[in-house]
Amino acid sequence: MSDNIAVTGFGVICSIGTNAQECFESLVNKRTGIDNIKYLETVHKDAFKLGEVKRSNEELAEMLGLTSIEGVSRTTLLAMVAAKEAQELAIQNNGTKSRTGIVSSTTVGGMDVTEQNYLKKTKDYSYLYSHPCGDSTKKVAELISATDYYTTLNTACSSGTNALIHGVRLLKYKVLDRVIVGGVDALTMFTLNGFNSLKILDQDFCKPFDAGRKGLNLAEGAGYVVLERADEVDKSYCKVSGFANANDAYHQTASSPDGEGAYLSMNEALDMSGLNPEQIDYINVHGTGTDNNDLSEGTAINRIFGIGKVPPFSSTKSYTGHTLAAAAGIEAVFSVMSIVNNVIYPNLNFKTPIEGLNMVPNTEVLKDKAVKHVLSNSFGFGGNNSTVIFSE
């Protein structure tokens, strides 16, 4: 279904860089972006480490050439930076396209603006116009001239891949000629307090797939890839060869212990791609560093690939932190850059394998590795599991 869909551009901003090149350099030099809290106003300032983008809202606006950020959320600013980079690269490669749209995803929308104004007890409620999730998508669409179609998805942490799936279908049925897909989320007090109440935050650096893992590091960022029909472009970076979304509906905030939903999404994505499991060169795992996710995902991966036969895998959340709805978009960009540069990224902070899984993530930068097929997992609350496969 998706063999005819090419990736023609990409853009990203997160805790390890403000563009794709900066992020790639951090990945291959093992530079994490997780640090003590600097920008988020919270009573937990000294309690947790976060993956904050190292720019204030004013600095983000300056990067974009905006003269005012009144009514513009941090979510919107982050999305603008990444989507603009992706669209400009696609235009550089293949010119402008008459029918261009964007499918974006976010879980918090403009909540950062709402929180701050609520605390100020202002009587001017115009800030509420920036609160809905769709506000950031609309503003980004207008900035990058992608207004022929724009919509917003929210399936928690699988959102970005589901945006990609929707984008592929828009191209397949020729609704659009180019579509920017991905996700964005800014850090908010609501998400930090919420995840803290679930007791799944690590107060130190997260340790995905380590026996001593204690939870995730919350983070923010945005990541987008540009999709076009392959037979209508001059230059592309790779193709979308398979994808799937599956929901095991096991629990509102937990993955099933047997990884049934994760297994289904990976298996169906492989079926669509026509690839055998042994043809996958690298897995960008969801790998949050929580006790539940890593055991569940590892169980599903062993079921797909066979115990002792799992290809190199790593969680880049050990660099960026968990960016929620932005995670799949950011990791899609990282997956594309893995193929383009023939590099497999390391899993930071790993020491001891999880008992019973017989799985050890890749812990070194592997260069010149002929990376032809990358499988990327993104799993969300409610059992919503999505997988995408990018191919050379």
Foldseek 3Di string as FASTA:
>chain_A
DFQQKFFQFKWKFFLQHLTLVSNVVCQQVVAFSWDQDDPADDPCRLQAIATEGPDDPVRLCVVLVHPDCVLPAPQLSQALSTLQRGLVRNCVFFNDFPAAAEEEEEDFFRVQQVVVVVVVVDPDPPSCVRGDNCNSRVVSCVSSVRPNDYDYDYPKFCRQQVQVVVVSVCQVVVVGQKYKTFYWYADHNVVVVVVVVVQAGDRDQFAFQAQPQRHFHHITMAMITMMGRNVNGDDGLFTFQFKFKFFPLPAQAAADLQLPRLLVGVVRRCVSNVDQQLLAAEEQEQGRRGPGRRNSNLNSQCVRQNQPRRHAYAHCCSRRIRHIRRRVRVVVSVQSVCQNFVKYGAHPPHDHGHPPSNDDHHHHIDGPNNRAKYKYWIAGGSRIIMIIMIGD
